[in-house]
Amino acid sequence: MSLMRILLFILLTFGLITACSESEKPAQQEMTMEQEVNSLVEEAKFDEAMAILDGKPRSPEVVALEENVHLQHGIYLIYNSDPSQMRENANKALREFIAVLEINPENEKATAETEQILMIYRSFPDRSPEPEVVEKLEELGFDI
């Protein structure tokens, strides 16, 4: 009789585990592209977020998501990364903000962040962004 109870307990436990794991799969499958991309951005997985968008047709939704991923990545590079890597991170952030402004030249946050980084560079006479970054910024109308 106790063998029967143990077997029943194991069977019920297995069934419960299976049911719980299957209930999570539809929730993940039901995530929209926007939710999935935003979730990755919140986790600072910017390359993964861009990989989702790379194969998609250039719809207004995809373009807006790309703009946001680049913007958030640039902000992350400036405010959340290693201070000892600040010069390298500033150039990477400027590249991200350039990408934002190429998508949407009216993006005020990208413009403000770019101006702030350039102001910091101006405070050091012998420092400037990398040449290709300077070239792109000048094309976008920034004074270097």
N, C-alpha and C. Protein backbone atom coordinates (compact mmCIF):
# COMPACT_ATOMS: atom_id res chain seq x y z
N MET A 1 0.81 -1.19 0.00
CA MET A 1 0.00 0.00 0.00
C MET A 1 0.87 1.27 0.00
N SER A 2 1.96 1.30 0.77
CA SER A 2 2.81 2.48 0.79
C SER A 2 3.54 2.65 -0.54
N LEU A 3 3.85 1.57 -1.23
CA LEU A 3 4.45 1.65 -2.56
C LEU A 3 3.49 2.34 -3.52
N MET A 4 2.21 2.02 -3.38
CA MET A 4 1.20 2.63 -4.23
C MET A 4 1.10 4.14 -3.96
N ARG A 5 1.20 4.56 -2.70
CA ARG A 5 1.15 5.98 -2.35
C ARG A 5 2.38 6.71 -2.90
N ILE A 6 3.54 6.11 -2.79
CA ILE A 6 4.77 6.72 -3.30
C ILE A 6 4.68 6.89 -4.81
N LEU A 7 4.21 5.85 -5.49
CA LEU A 7 4.06 5.90 -6.94
C LEU A 7 3.06 6.99 -7.34
N LEU A 8 1.95 7.08 -6.62
CA LEU A 8 0.95 8.10 -6.90
C LEU A 8 1.52 9.50 -6.65
N PHE A 9 2.28 9.66 -5.57
CA PHE A 9 2.90 10.94 -5.25
C PHE A 9 3.88 11.35 -6.36
N ILE A 10 4.71 10.43 -6.81
CA ILE A 10 5.67 10.71 -7.89
C ILE A 10 4.94 11.10 -9.16
N LEU A 11 3.89 10.38 -9.49
CA LEU A 11 3.12 10.64 -10.70
C LEU A 11 2.46 12.03 -10.64
N LEU A 12 1.88 12.37 -9.50
CA LEU A 12 1.25 13.68 -9.34
C LEU A 12 2.29 14.81 -9.38
N THR A 13 3.43 14.59 -8.76
CA THR A 13 4.50 15.59 -8.78
C THR A 13 4.99 15.83 -10.20
N PHE A 14 5.21 14.75 -10.94
CA PHE A 14 5.65 14.86 -12.32
C PHE A 14 4.61 15.61 -13.16
N GLY A 15 3.35 15.29 -12.96
CA GLY A 15 2.27 15.97 -13.70
C GLY A 15 2.21 17.45 -13.38
N LEU A 16 2.39 17.79 -12.11
CA LEU A 16 2.37 19.18 -11.69
C LEU A 16 3.54 19.96 -12.29
N ILE A 17 4.72 19.37 -12.26
CA ILE A 17 5.90 20.02 -12.83
C ILE A 17 5.72 20.23 -14.33
N THR A 18 5.21 19.23 -15.00
CA THR A 18 4.98 19.33 -16.45
C THR A 18 3.96 20.42 -16.76
N ALA A 19 2.89 20.46 -16.01
CA ALA A 19 1.85 21.47 -16.24
C ALA A 19 2.38 22.88 -16.00
N CYS A 20 3.18 23.06 -14.96
CA CYS A 20 3.73 24.38 -14.66
C CYS A 20 4.71 24.83 -15.73
N SER A 21 5.55 23.94 -16.20
CA SER A 21 6.53 24.33 -17.21
C SER A 21 5.87 24.63 -18.55
N GLU A 22 4.79 23.96 -18.87
CA GLU A 22 4.09 24.22 -20.13
C GLU A 22 3.33 25.54 -20.08
N SER A 23 2.89 25.95 -18.90
CA SER A 23 2.14 27.21 -18.81
C SER A 23 3.04 28.41 -19.05
N GLU A 24 4.37 28.28 -18.85
CA GLU A 24 5.28 29.39 -19.09
C GLU A 24 5.55 29.58 -20.58
N LYS A 25 5.55 28.53 -21.34
CA LYS A 25 5.90 28.62 -22.76
C LYS A 25 4.94 29.50 -23.55
N PRO A 26 3.63 29.36 -23.42
CA PRO A 26 2.76 30.26 -24.18
C PRO A 26 2.96 31.73 -23.81
N ALA A 27 3.25 32.02 -22.56
CA ALA A 27 3.45 33.41 -22.16
C ALA A 27 4.66 33.99 -22.88
N GLN A 28 5.74 33.20 -23.02
CA GLN A 28 6.91 33.68 -23.73
C GLN A 28 6.61 33.82 -25.22
N GLN A 29 5.84 32.91 -25.77
CA GLN A 29 5.52 32.96 -27.18
C GLN A 29 4.58 34.12 -27.49
N GLU A 30 3.80 34.54 -26.52
CA GLU A 30 2.83 35.61 -26.72
C GLU A 30 3.45 37.01 -26.60
N MET A 31 4.72 37.09 -26.21
CA MET A 31 5.37 38.40 -26.11
C MET A 31 5.45 39.02 -27.50
N THR A 32 5.10 40.27 -27.57
CA THR A 32 5.23 40.97 -28.85
C THR A 32 6.71 41.28 -29.08
N MET A 33 7.03 41.62 -30.30
CA MET A 33 8.41 41.99 -30.62
C MET A 33 8.84 43.18 -29.76
N GLU A 34 7.96 44.14 -29.60
CA GLU A 34 8.28 45.32 -28.78
C GLU A 34 8.57 44.93 -27.34
N GLN A 35 7.75 44.05 -26.77
CA GLN A 35 7.97 43.61 -25.39
C GLN A 35 9.29 42.86 -25.26
N GLU A 36 9.57 42.01 -26.23
CA GLU A 36 10.81 41.24 -26.18
C GLU A 36 12.03 42.15 -26.28
N VAL A 37 12.00 43.10 -27.20
CA VAL A 37 13.11 44.04 -27.36
C VAL A 37 13.27 44.89 -26.11
N ASN A 38 12.18 45.43 -25.59
CA ASN A 38 12.24 46.26 -24.39
C ASN A 38 12.74 45.48 -23.18
N SER A 39 12.36 44.22 -23.09
CA SER A 39 12.84 43.37 -22.00
C SER A 39 14.36 43.19 -22.09
N LEU A 40 14.86 42.97 -23.28
CA LEU A 40 16.31 42.82 -23.47
C LEU A 40 17.04 44.13 -23.16
N VAL A 41 16.46 45.25 -23.54
CA VAL A 41 17.07 46.55 -23.26
C VAL A 41 17.14 46.76 -21.74
N GLU A 42 16.08 46.41 -21.03
CA GLU A 42 16.08 46.54 -19.57
C GLU A 42 17.18 45.70 -18.93
N GLU A 43 17.53 44.58 -19.57
CA GLU A 43 18.58 43.70 -19.07
C GLU A 43 19.96 44.10 -19.62
N ALA A 44 20.03 45.21 -20.33
CA ALA A 44 21.26 45.71 -20.96
C ALA A 44 21.83 44.72 -21.97
N LYS A 45 20.95 44.02 -22.68
CA LYS A 45 21.35 43.09 -23.73
C LYS A 45 21.05 43.74 -25.08
N PHE A 46 21.79 44.79 -25.36
CA PHE A 46 21.51 45.63 -26.53
C PHE A 46 21.78 44.91 -27.85
N ASP A 47 22.85 44.11 -27.89
CA ASP A 47 23.15 43.38 -29.13
C ASP A 47 22.07 42.36 -29.44
N GLU A 48 21.56 41.70 -28.40
CA GLU A 48 20.48 40.73 -28.61
C GLU A 48 19.21 41.43 -29.08
N ALA A 49 18.94 42.60 -28.52
CA ALA A 49 17.75 43.36 -28.93
C ALA A 49 17.87 43.77 -30.40
N MET A 50 19.05 44.22 -30.80
CA MET A 50 19.25 44.61 -32.20
C MET A 50 19.18 43.40 -33.13
N ALA A 51 19.63 42.24 -32.66
CA ALA A 51 19.59 41.03 -33.48
C ALA A 51 18.15 40.66 -33.83
N ILE A 52 17.23 40.90 -32.90
CA ILE A 52 15.82 40.62 -33.17
C ILE A 52 15.31 41.53 -34.29
N LEU A 53 15.76 42.77 -34.28
CA LEU A 53 15.27 43.76 -35.24
C LEU A 53 15.96 43.66 -36.61
N ASP A 54 17.17 43.13 -36.63
CA ASP A 54 17.96 43.11 -37.87
C ASP A 54 17.28 42.42 -39.03
N GLY A 55 16.58 41.33 -38.80
CA GLY A 55 15.98 40.61 -39.91
C GLY A 55 14.58 41.06 -40.27
N LYS A 56 14.07 42.04 -39.58
CA LYS A 56 12.68 42.48 -39.79
C LYS A 56 12.58 43.53 -40.89
N PRO A 57 11.44 43.56 -41.59
CA PRO A 57 11.20 44.63 -42.57
C PRO A 57 11.16 45.99 -41.86
N ARG A 58 11.56 47.04 -42.54
CA ARG A 58 11.69 48.38 -41.95
C ARG A 58 10.32 49.06 -41.78
N SER A 59 9.55 48.54 -40.85
CA SER A 59 8.26 49.15 -40.53
C SER A 59 8.49 50.30 -39.55
N PRO A 60 7.51 51.19 -39.38
CA PRO A 60 7.66 52.26 -38.38
C PRO A 60 7.93 51.72 -36.98
N GLU A 61 7.33 50.58 -36.64
CA GLU A 61 7.56 49.98 -35.31
C GLU A 61 9.01 49.55 -35.16
N VAL A 62 9.56 48.90 -36.17
CA VAL A 62 10.95 48.43 -36.11
C VAL A 62 11.91 49.62 -36.03
N VAL A 63 11.66 50.64 -36.82
CA VAL A 63 12.51 51.83 -36.81
C VAL A 63 12.48 52.50 -35.44
N ALA A 64 11.30 52.63 -34.85
CA ALA A 64 11.17 53.24 -33.52
C ALA A 64 11.89 52.41 -32.47
N LEU A 65 11.80 51.09 -32.58
CA LEU A 65 12.50 50.22 -31.63
C LEU A 65 14.01 50.33 -31.80
N GLU A 66 14.48 50.39 -33.04
CA GLU A 66 15.92 50.56 -33.29
C GLU A 66 16.41 51.87 -32.68
N GLU A 67 15.64 52.93 -32.88
CA GLU A 67 15.99 54.23 -32.31
C GLU A 67 16.13 54.13 -30.80
N ASN A 68 15.17 53.48 -30.16
CA ASN A 68 15.20 53.36 -28.70
C ASN A 68 16.36 52.49 -28.22
N VAL A 69 16.64 51.39 -28.91
CA VAL A 69 17.75 50.52 -28.50
C VAL A 69 19.06 51.30 -28.57
N HIS A 70 19.29 52.01 -29.67
CA HIS A 70 20.52 52.81 -29.79
C HIS A 70 20.59 53.89 -28.71
N LEU A 71 19.48 54.56 -28.45
CA LEU A 71 19.46 55.62 -27.44
C LEU A 71 19.77 55.05 -26.06
N GLN A 72 19.09 53.98 -25.69
CA GLN A 72 19.31 53.39 -24.37
C GLN A 72 20.72 52.83 -24.23
N HIS A 73 21.25 52.28 -25.31
CA HIS A 73 22.62 51.75 -25.27
C HIS A 73 23.61 52.89 -25.05
N GLY A 74 23.43 54.00 -25.75
CA GLY A 74 24.31 55.15 -25.56
C GLY A 74 24.25 55.68 -24.13
N ILE A 75 23.06 55.79 -23.60
CA ILE A 75 22.89 56.26 -22.22
C ILE A 75 23.56 55.29 -21.25
N TYR A 76 23.38 54.01 -21.49
CA TYR A 76 24.00 52.99 -20.63
C TYR A 76 25.53 53.13 -20.66
N LEU A 77 26.09 53.31 -21.84
CA LEU A 77 27.55 53.42 -21.96
C LEU A 77 28.10 54.60 -21.17
N ILE A 78 27.36 55.68 -21.12
CA ILE A 78 27.84 56.87 -20.42
C ILE A 78 27.64 56.77 -18.91
N TYR A 79 26.49 56.30 -18.49
CA TYR A 79 26.15 56.37 -17.07
C TYR A 79 26.36 55.09 -16.28
N ASN A 80 26.50 53.95 -16.92
CA ASN A 80 26.55 52.69 -16.17
C ASN A 80 27.79 51.85 -16.43
N SER A 81 28.74 52.35 -17.12
CA SER A 81 29.90 51.52 -17.42
C SER A 81 31.12 51.95 -16.62
N ASP A 82 32.16 51.20 -16.77
CA ASP A 82 33.40 51.38 -16.01
C ASP A 82 34.02 52.76 -16.27
N PRO A 83 34.21 53.57 -15.22
CA PRO A 83 34.79 54.91 -15.39
C PRO A 83 36.20 54.89 -15.99
N SER A 84 36.94 53.82 -15.78
CA SER A 84 38.30 53.75 -16.34
C SER A 84 38.27 53.60 -17.86
N GLN A 85 37.12 53.26 -18.40
CA GLN A 85 36.95 53.10 -19.84
C GLN A 85 36.17 54.27 -20.45
N MET A 86 36.15 55.40 -19.77
CA MET A 86 35.28 56.51 -20.15
C MET A 86 35.54 57.01 -21.58
N ARG A 87 36.80 57.14 -21.98
CA ARG A 87 37.07 57.67 -23.33
C ARG A 87 36.52 56.72 -24.39
N GLU A 88 36.81 55.44 -24.23
CA GLU A 88 36.29 54.44 -25.18
C GLU A 88 34.77 54.41 -25.15
N ASN A 89 34.19 54.46 -23.95
CA ASN A 89 32.73 54.43 -23.83
C ASN A 89 32.09 55.69 -24.41
N ALA A 90 32.76 56.82 -24.28
CA ALA A 90 32.22 58.06 -24.84
C ALA A 90 32.14 57.96 -26.36
N ASN A 91 33.17 57.40 -26.98
CA ASN A 91 33.14 57.22 -28.44
C ASN A 91 32.05 56.24 -28.86
N LYS A 92 31.91 55.15 -28.10
CA LYS A 92 30.85 54.17 -28.41
C LYS A 92 29.48 54.81 -28.23
N ALA A 93 29.33 55.59 -27.16
CA ALA A 93 28.05 56.26 -26.91
C ALA A 93 27.74 57.25 -28.03
N LEU A 94 28.74 57.99 -28.46
CA LEU A 94 28.53 58.93 -29.56
C LEU A 94 28.09 58.19 -30.83
N ARG A 95 28.67 57.02 -31.08
CA ARG A 95 28.24 56.23 -32.24
C ARG A 95 26.77 55.84 -32.11
N GLU A 96 26.36 55.47 -30.90
CA GLU A 96 24.95 55.10 -30.68
C GLU A 96 24.05 56.31 -30.89
N PHE A 97 24.45 57.48 -30.38
CA PHE A 97 23.64 58.68 -30.54
C PHE A 97 23.60 59.12 -32.01
N ILE A 98 24.70 58.91 -32.73
CA ILE A 98 24.71 59.19 -34.17
C ILE A 98 23.67 58.31 -34.86
N ALA A 99 23.64 57.02 -34.49
CA ALA A 99 22.66 56.10 -35.08
C ALA A 99 21.24 56.58 -34.80
N VAL A 100 21.00 57.06 -33.58
CA VAL A 100 19.68 57.58 -33.23
C VAL A 100 19.34 58.77 -34.12
N LEU A 101 20.28 59.69 -34.25
CA LEU A 101 20.02 60.92 -35.01
C LEU A 101 19.93 60.67 -36.51
N GLU A 102 20.54 59.61 -36.99
CA GLU A 102 20.37 59.24 -38.40
C GLU A 102 18.96 58.70 -38.64
N ILE A 103 18.40 58.05 -37.62
CA ILE A 103 17.02 57.56 -37.70
C ILE A 103 16.04 58.71 -37.51
N ASN A 104 16.30 59.52 -36.48
CA ASN A 104 15.40 60.61 -36.13
C ASN A 104 16.21 61.85 -35.75
N PRO A 105 16.45 62.74 -36.70
CA PRO A 105 17.24 63.94 -36.42
C PRO A 105 16.62 64.85 -35.35
N GLU A 106 15.36 64.65 -35.02
CA GLU A 106 14.67 65.48 -34.04
C GLU A 106 14.76 64.92 -32.61
N ASN A 107 15.48 63.83 -32.41
CA ASN A 107 15.55 63.21 -31.08
C ASN A 107 16.33 64.12 -30.13
N GLU A 108 15.60 64.76 -29.23
CA GLU A 108 16.19 65.75 -28.33
C GLU A 108 17.13 65.12 -27.31
N LYS A 109 16.79 63.94 -26.83
CA LYS A 109 17.64 63.28 -25.83
C LYS A 109 19.00 62.92 -26.43
N ALA A 110 19.02 62.37 -27.63
CA ALA A 110 20.28 62.03 -28.28
C ALA A 110 21.11 63.28 -28.55
N THR A 111 20.44 64.35 -28.96
CA THR A 111 21.14 65.62 -29.21
C THR A 111 21.74 66.16 -27.91
N ALA A 112 20.97 66.15 -26.84
CA ALA A 112 21.44 66.67 -25.55
C ALA A 112 22.61 65.84 -25.01
N GLU A 113 22.51 64.52 -25.11
CA GLU A 113 23.58 63.65 -24.62
C GLU A 113 24.85 63.85 -25.45
N THR A 114 24.69 64.01 -26.75
CA THR A 114 25.84 64.25 -27.63
C THR A 114 26.50 65.57 -27.26
N GLU A 115 25.71 66.62 -27.08
CA GLU A 115 26.25 67.93 -26.69
C GLU A 115 26.98 67.85 -25.36
N GLN A 116 26.44 67.09 -24.42
CA GLN A 116 27.07 66.96 -23.11
C GLN A 116 28.44 66.28 -23.24
N ILE A 117 28.52 65.22 -24.03
CA ILE A 117 29.80 64.53 -24.22
C ILE A 117 30.80 65.47 -24.91
N LEU A 118 30.33 66.20 -25.92
CA LEU A 118 31.22 67.12 -26.63
C LEU A 118 31.70 68.24 -25.71
N MET A 119 30.85 68.69 -24.78
CA MET A 119 31.25 69.71 -23.82
C MET A 119 32.38 69.19 -22.93
N ILE A 120 32.28 67.94 -22.54
CA ILE A 120 33.35 67.33 -21.73
C ILE A 120 34.64 67.27 -22.54
N TYR A 121 34.54 66.85 -23.79
CA TYR A 121 35.73 66.81 -24.65
C TYR A 121 36.35 68.21 -24.79
N ARG A 122 35.51 69.23 -24.92
CA ARG A 122 36.02 70.61 -25.08
C ARG A 122 36.79 71.08 -23.85
N SER A 123 36.49 70.51 -22.70
CA SER A 123 37.17 70.92 -21.47
C SER A 123 38.60 70.36 -21.39
N PHE A 124 38.93 69.42 -22.28
CA PHE A 124 40.28 68.88 -22.35
C PHE A 124 40.87 69.26 -23.71
N PRO A 125 41.83 70.19 -23.73
CA PRO A 125 42.32 70.71 -25.00
C PRO A 125 42.93 69.65 -25.94
N ASP A 126 43.52 68.63 -25.40
CA ASP A 126 44.19 67.64 -26.24
C ASP A 126 43.33 66.40 -26.50
N ARG A 127 42.04 66.48 -26.22
CA ARG A 127 41.15 65.33 -26.40
C ARG A 127 40.04 65.67 -27.39
N SER A 128 39.68 64.66 -28.18
CA SER A 128 38.53 64.80 -29.06
C SER A 128 38.04 63.40 -29.41
N PRO A 129 36.82 63.29 -29.89
CA PRO A 129 36.32 61.98 -30.30
C PRO A 129 37.16 61.43 -31.45
N GLU A 130 37.00 60.15 -31.72
CA GLU A 130 37.73 59.51 -32.82
C GLU A 130 37.37 60.20 -34.14
N PRO A 131 38.31 60.22 -35.10
CA PRO A 131 38.09 60.96 -36.36
C PRO A 131 36.80 60.60 -37.10
N GLU A 132 36.47 59.30 -37.20
CA GLU A 132 35.24 58.95 -37.93
C GLU A 132 33.99 59.40 -37.18
N VAL A 133 34.08 59.46 -35.85
CA VAL A 133 32.96 59.97 -35.05
C VAL A 133 32.82 61.48 -35.28
N VAL A 134 33.95 62.18 -35.28
CA VAL A 134 33.94 63.63 -35.54
C VAL A 134 33.32 63.92 -36.90
N GLU A 135 33.72 63.15 -37.90
CA GLU A 135 33.20 63.34 -39.26
C GLU A 135 31.68 63.18 -39.30
N LYS A 136 31.17 62.12 -38.67
CA LYS A 136 29.72 61.89 -38.65
C LYS A 136 29.00 63.00 -37.90
N LEU A 137 29.57 63.43 -36.76
CA LEU A 137 28.94 64.49 -35.98
C LEU A 137 28.89 65.80 -36.77
N GLU A 138 29.95 66.09 -37.49
CA GLU A 138 29.96 67.31 -38.31
C GLU A 138 28.91 67.22 -39.42
N GLU A 139 28.75 66.03 -40.00
CA GLU A 139 27.71 65.83 -41.02
C GLU A 139 26.32 66.09 -40.45
N LEU A 140 26.16 65.78 -39.15
CA LEU A 140 24.87 65.99 -38.49
C LEU A 140 24.70 67.42 -37.98
N GLY A 141 25.74 68.26 -38.15
CA GLY A 141 25.62 69.66 -37.79
C GLY A 141 26.19 70.04 -36.44
N PHE A 142 26.93 69.16 -35.80
CA PHE A 142 27.53 69.48 -34.50
C PHE A 142 28.84 70.22 -34.70
N ASP A 143 29.12 71.17 -33.80
CA ASP A 143 30.40 71.88 -33.80
C ASP A 143 31.35 71.11 -32.90
N ILE A 144 32.48 70.74 -33.46
CA ILE A 144 33.45 69.96 -32.68
C ILE A 144 34.57 70.87 -32.21
